[in-house]
Structure formats: C-alpha cells, structure tokens
C-alpha cells in the first residue's frame, strides 16, 4: 500500500509502539493520522500537536465507542490495530478474569474495530488493515499463556479477514514483533527491540507490499524457524 497520502487510524496510540507508529506514518507521508486512545488526552503532546494528527476517543472493548469512532473517521484508508494488554499467568494457574480481559482486548477488540471500519475501508479503497500481533501468537512463552492465546486468536482472525476482504480493495497485513522495549514489558528480563525500530519496519513492510511483517531482528530469525518447523519454534520459546 502507498502510505503517502493515506488517511490512517492507529488504536492504542497514546504511548509506546502506537505513538511511534503515528510518527512513522507521518514520516511516510500520511496526509492525516487519527491517534486514538480510550482517553485521547493521554496521547503524547508531541504527537497530538502535529498538524496532521487528530486525536480521537476509541475504546476497543466498547462497541458504542468503536461505532462513534468509525462515524467520526469515515475518511480512513489505513487501519492499524495496535491496542493491546498483557496479563501474566500460566495455563494451569491462570487468573481467568485476567485472561478474559486479554481476549476481549487483543482478539475481540481487534475484530470489533475491524468490523466497524471494514465498510469505511471498502468505500475508500484501496486501503489496508495492519494488525499488530506478536511472534508469540505463533508459539507461546512461559508465563504469558493467556496473552499468547489471545494473540493466536487475533492471528487466526487476521487470516479470516484477509480471505473475506480479498477482492474488495483492502489488504490485510499481520505484523509479528518480538519483545518491544515499552511499558508493557517493563520488568521482563529479555531482549527487546526499540519501538522506533519496530514502527519503522512495520511501515516499510506495508509500503513494500508485504503481507507478513517480521519487524525486528529477533522476530525475523524466529519467523524463519517457524516457517521451516513450527514445532521447533514452540520448543525454543517454551524452553
């Protein structure tokens, strides 16, 4: 997709990767970017003050909020589903309420927003949906079973959306980063990519026409392993 001249909407744009995605889309020539968050006042002032940025309230877990955003942003040609939450726990000792929260945001929320904006995108086609997933949607890591499952469901629905929107002028792209150095993983001892790097590679992959984007060095290596032997990636991440 040609980002130059596009009108983009980014969910979860108030900090971390979302804020950096707004930056990179602007750098790539987007004519307008809707930076959305549950509370738009929490969007980084440096981001929100840009003349091509419009802040907008959008809570992906609230249908009325999503519907209102789709009505207010009826000119969108590029939707970036970035909003997400992470709860810790294993499959055997899980706080199921926490796991349900992850699923309602990371999977159902992504689908809710995609459903609401699909008519907008097809009307304004050509366009695209970029779903920010994660490498561990493809194989889980210890201690994040619910989060991984919610992202695995989001991976599957991304494939369904791709099939259903094929031929309607809307590309559906999945981005699969590894760990990112944001508040979400604060305190987790692991290699983490800079959010600026991940955002830059997602936008570059979108511009290059990639359907699957591995936006950091760790995910690129693990993605190659997954494509060759999915069980090998499962064993690697579990160990």
Protein backbone atom coordinates (compact mmCIF):
# COMPACT_ATOMS: atom_id res chain seq x y z
CA UNK A 1 0.00 0.00 0.00
CA UNK A 2 1.15 3.54 -0.73
CA UNK A 3 1.21 5.24 2.69
CA UNK A 4 1.92 8.61 1.07
CA UNK A 5 -1.39 10.48 1.01
CA UNK A 6 -3.22 7.87 3.09
CA UNK A 7 -5.52 8.64 6.00
CA UNK A 8 -4.61 6.36 8.87
CA UNK A 9 -6.10 5.46 12.23
CA UNK A 10 -3.97 3.88 14.95
CA UNK A 11 -5.53 2.29 18.03
CA UNK A 12 -3.63 2.46 21.32
CA UNK A 13 -1.69 5.47 20.04
CA UNK A 14 -1.18 7.18 23.39
CA UNK A 15 2.25 5.66 24.10
CA UNK A 16 4.82 3.01 23.23
CA UNK A 17 4.63 1.42 19.81
CA UNK A 18 1.35 3.16 18.96
CA UNK A 19 2.84 6.63 19.33
CA UNK A 20 5.87 5.64 17.26
CA UNK A 21 3.63 4.20 14.54
CA UNK A 22 1.95 7.60 14.28
CA UNK A 23 5.39 9.20 13.88
CA UNK A 24 6.46 6.80 11.14
CA UNK A 25 3.19 7.10 9.21
CA UNK A 26 3.60 10.86 9.21
CA UNK A 27 7.20 10.48 8.04
CA UNK A 28 5.95 8.23 5.22
CA UNK A 29 3.59 10.95 4.02
CA UNK A 30 0.22 10.11 5.54
CA UNK A 31 -2.00 13.13 4.99
CA UNK A 32 -3.81 12.59 8.29
CA UNK A 33 -3.42 10.21 11.23
CA UNK A 34 -6.10 9.64 13.83
CA UNK A 35 -4.26 8.90 17.08
CA UNK A 36 -6.80 7.08 19.22
CA UNK A 37 -6.93 6.01 22.85
CA UNK A 38 -9.55 5.38 25.50
CA UNK A 39 -8.68 8.83 26.82
CA UNK A 40 -7.36 10.98 23.96
CA UNK A 41 -5.89 13.41 26.49
CA UNK A 42 -3.24 10.76 27.27
CA UNK A 43 -1.79 10.92 23.75
CA UNK A 44 1.77 12.24 23.85
CA UNK A 45 1.56 16.04 23.43
CA UNK A 46 4.38 15.94 20.88
CA UNK A 47 2.26 13.56 18.79
CA UNK A 48 -1.10 15.25 19.32
CA UNK A 49 0.24 18.71 18.45
CA UNK A 50 1.32 17.67 14.96
CA UNK A 51 -0.81 19.49 12.36
CA UNK A 52 -1.67 16.23 10.56
CA UNK A 53 -2.74 14.39 13.74
CA UNK A 54 -6.29 14.26 15.05
CA UNK A 55 -6.85 12.67 18.47
CA UNK A 56 -9.97 10.59 18.89
CA UNK A 57 -11.53 8.60 21.72
CA UNK A 58 -11.69 4.88 20.98
CA UNK A 59 -12.07 2.06 23.48
CA UNK A 60 -11.78 -1.21 21.59
CA UNK A 61 -13.80 -3.04 24.26
CA UNK A 62 -16.80 -0.70 23.92
CA UNK A 63 -19.00 -1.12 20.85
CA UNK A 64 -20.55 2.34 21.15
CA UNK A 65 -17.09 3.92 21.32
CA UNK A 66 -15.92 1.99 18.26
CA UNK A 67 -19.04 2.85 16.29
CA UNK A 68 -18.66 6.54 17.14
CA UNK A 69 -15.03 6.49 16.02
CA UNK A 70 -15.92 4.82 12.72
CA UNK A 71 -18.53 7.50 12.10
CA UNK A 72 -16.14 10.33 13.01
CA UNK A 73 -13.28 8.92 10.92
CA UNK A 74 -15.19 7.98 7.79
CA UNK A 75 -12.28 9.04 5.56
CA UNK A 76 -9.84 6.37 6.80
CA UNK A 77 -7.94 4.30 4.23
CA UNK A 78 -5.49 2.58 6.61
CA UNK A 79 -6.44 0.98 9.93
CA UNK A 80 -3.68 -0.06 12.33
CA UNK A 81 -4.95 -2.31 15.12
CA UNK A 82 -2.30 -1.79 17.77
CA UNK A 83 -4.18 -1.57 21.10
CA UNK A 84 -3.39 -4.41 23.46
CA UNK A 85 -2.99 -5.55 27.06
CA UNK A 86 -0.86 -8.24 28.67
CA UNK A 87 -1.68 -10.34 31.72
CA UNK A 88 0.79 -12.81 33.20
CA UNK A 89 -0.03 -16.36 34.19
CA UNK A 90 0.32 -19.98 33.12
CA UNK A 91 -2.33 -22.21 31.59
CA UNK A 92 -2.65 -24.25 34.81
CA UNK A 93 -2.76 -21.47 37.42
CA UNK A 94 -4.37 -18.70 35.40
CA UNK A 95 -6.47 -15.87 36.74
CA UNK A 96 -9.23 -16.45 34.19
CA UNK A 97 -10.60 -12.95 34.62
CA UNK A 98 -7.22 -11.60 33.54
CA UNK A 99 -7.09 -13.96 30.59
CA UNK A 100 -10.60 -12.93 29.61
CA UNK A 101 -9.54 -9.27 29.71
CA UNK A 102 -6.68 -10.06 27.32
CA UNK A 103 -9.03 -11.87 24.96
CA UNK A 104 -11.63 -9.09 24.99
CA UNK A 105 -8.99 -6.50 24.10
CA UNK A 106 -6.44 -8.31 21.94
CA UNK A 107 -8.82 -10.51 19.96
CA UNK A 108 -12.43 -9.36 20.25
CA UNK A 109 -11.39 -5.70 20.37
CA UNK A 110 -9.31 -6.07 17.20
CA UNK A 111 -12.22 -7.79 15.47
CA UNK A 112 -14.75 -5.23 16.72
CA UNK A 113 -12.70 -2.36 15.26
CA UNK A 114 -12.07 -4.24 12.01
CA UNK A 115 -15.78 -4.94 11.55
CA UNK A 116 -16.68 -1.32 12.19
CA UNK A 117 -14.09 0.06 9.77
CA UNK A 118 -14.40 -2.55 7.00
CA UNK A 119 -17.25 -0.65 5.28
CA UNK A 120 -15.24 2.58 5.57
CA UNK A 121 -12.16 0.96 4.06
CA UNK A 122 -14.02 -0.71 1.20
CA UNK A 123 -15.79 2.55 0.38
CA UNK A 124 -12.47 4.41 0.36
CA UNK A 125 -10.48 1.60 -1.29
CA UNK A 126 -7.72 0.91 -1.98
CA UNK A 127 -6.85 0.56 1.68
CA UNK A 128 -5.38 -1.75 4.28
CA UNK A 129 -5.69 -3.17 7.76
CA UNK A 130 -2.47 -3.76 9.69
CA UNK A 131 -2.86 -5.96 12.74
CA UNK A 132 -0.02 -5.69 15.24
CA UNK A 133 0.19 -9.24 16.52
CA UNK A 134 3.30 -10.79 18.08
CA UNK A 135 5.77 -13.56 17.43
CA UNK A 136 4.31 -15.41 20.42
CA UNK A 137 0.96 -15.59 18.67
CA UNK A 138 2.61 -18.44 16.75
CA UNK A 139 4.09 -20.28 19.76
CA UNK A 140 3.64 -19.39 23.46
CA UNK A 141 6.22 -18.44 26.04
CA UNK A 142 6.11 -19.44 29.68
CA UNK A 143 4.12 -17.19 31.98
CA UNK A 144 2.05 -15.46 29.28
CA UNK A 145 -0.37 -18.22 28.30
CA UNK A 146 -3.49 -16.07 28.17
CA UNK A 147 -1.82 -13.25 26.27
CA UNK A 148 -0.34 -15.69 23.76
CA UNK A 149 -3.71 -17.37 23.28
CA UNK A 150 -5.46 -14.04 22.72
CA UNK A 151 -2.86 -13.08 20.11
CA UNK A 152 -3.10 -16.52 18.49
CA UNK A 153 -6.82 -15.90 18.09
CA UNK A 154 -6.05 -12.48 16.63
CA UNK A 155 -3.62 -14.16 14.19
CA UNK A 156 -6.36 -16.54 13.08
CA UNK A 157 -8.95 -13.78 12.65
CA UNK A 158 -6.37 -11.82 10.64
CA UNK A 159 -6.27 -14.72 8.20
CA UNK A 160 -10.07 -14.79 8.06
CA UNK A 161 -10.26 -11.05 7.44
CA UNK A 162 -7.66 -11.39 4.67
CA UNK A 163 -9.78 -14.01 2.93
CA UNK A 164 -13.06 -12.14 3.35
CA UNK A 165 -11.67 -8.79 2.15
CA UNK A 166 -9.78 -10.25 -0.79
CA UNK A 167 -11.04 -8.66 -3.99
CA UNK A 168 -12.55 -5.69 -2.16
CA UNK A 169 -9.51 -3.44 -2.39
CA UNK A 170 -8.45 -3.90 1.24
CA UNK A 171 -5.17 -5.61 2.09
CA UNK A 172 -4.87 -7.32 5.48
CA UNK A 173 -1.35 -7.44 6.93
CA UNK A 174 -0.06 -9.15 10.04
CA UNK A 175 2.98 -7.80 11.89
CA UNK A 176 4.72 -10.18 14.30
CA UNK A 177 7.23 -8.35 16.52
CA UNK A 178 9.22 -9.99 19.27
CA UNK A 179 9.69 -8.21 22.59
CA UNK A 180 9.49 -4.43 22.44
CA UNK A 181 11.00 -2.04 24.97
CA UNK A 182 7.76 -0.44 26.17
CA UNK A 183 5.83 -0.17 29.44
CA UNK A 184 4.03 -3.42 28.62
CA UNK A 185 7.22 -5.43 29.14
CA UNK A 186 8.73 -3.29 31.88
CA UNK A 187 10.47 -5.56 34.36
CA UNK A 188 10.66 -8.50 31.95
CA UNK A 189 14.27 -9.62 31.53
CA UNK A 190 14.51 -10.30 27.80
CA UNK A 191 15.94 -8.86 24.62
CA UNK A 192 13.69 -6.05 23.42
CA UNK A 193 13.64 -4.04 20.23
CA UNK A 194 13.25 -0.27 20.26
CA UNK A 195 9.66 0.73 19.45
CA UNK A 196 11.00 3.20 16.88
CA UNK A 197 12.68 0.35 15.01
CA UNK A 198 9.58 -1.83 15.08
CA UNK A 199 7.35 1.01 13.89
CA UNK A 200 9.74 1.92 11.08
CA UNK A 201 9.89 -1.67 9.83
CA UNK A 202 6.12 -2.14 10.01
CA UNK A 203 5.55 0.95 7.86
CA UNK A 204 8.36 -0.08 5.50
CA UNK A 205 6.85 -3.56 5.16
CA UNK A 206 3.44 -2.09 4.46
CA UNK A 207 4.89 0.19 1.80
CA UNK A 208 6.77 -2.74 0.25
CA UNK A 209 3.59 -4.76 -0.07
CA UNK A 210 4.44 -7.43 2.50
CA UNK A 211 1.52 -9.47 3.83
CA UNK A 212 3.51 -10.80 6.79
CA UNK A 213 5.96 -8.45 8.50
CA UNK A 214 8.76 -9.51 10.89
CA UNK A 215 9.65 -6.05 12.21
CA UNK A 216 12.74 -6.71 14.31
CA UNK A 217 15.81 -8.92 14.22
CA UNK A 218 14.54 -11.43 16.79
CA UNK A 219 11.20 -11.94 15.07
CA UNK A 220 12.85 -12.23 11.65
CA UNK A 221 15.06 -15.06 12.88
CA UNK A 222 12.27 -16.81 14.78
CA UNK A 223 9.91 -16.30 11.86
CA UNK A 224 12.28 -18.17 9.57
CA UNK A 225 12.40 -21.00 12.11
CA UNK A 226 8.60 -21.07 12.33
CA UNK A 227 8.17 -21.24 8.57
CA UNK A 228 10.56 -24.18 8.41
CA UNK A 229 9.47 -26.08 11.53
CA UNK A 230 6.64 -24.71 13.72
CA UNK A 231 7.31 -27.26 16.47
CA UNK A 232 10.94 -26.16 16.67
CA UNK A 233 9.80 -22.61 17.44
CA UNK A 234 7.37 -23.96 20.04
CA UNK A 235 10.17 -25.88 21.77
CA UNK A 236 12.52 -22.90 21.57
CA UNK A 237 10.11 -20.43 23.12
CA UNK A 238 8.87 -22.90 25.75
CA UNK A 239 12.43 -23.61 26.87
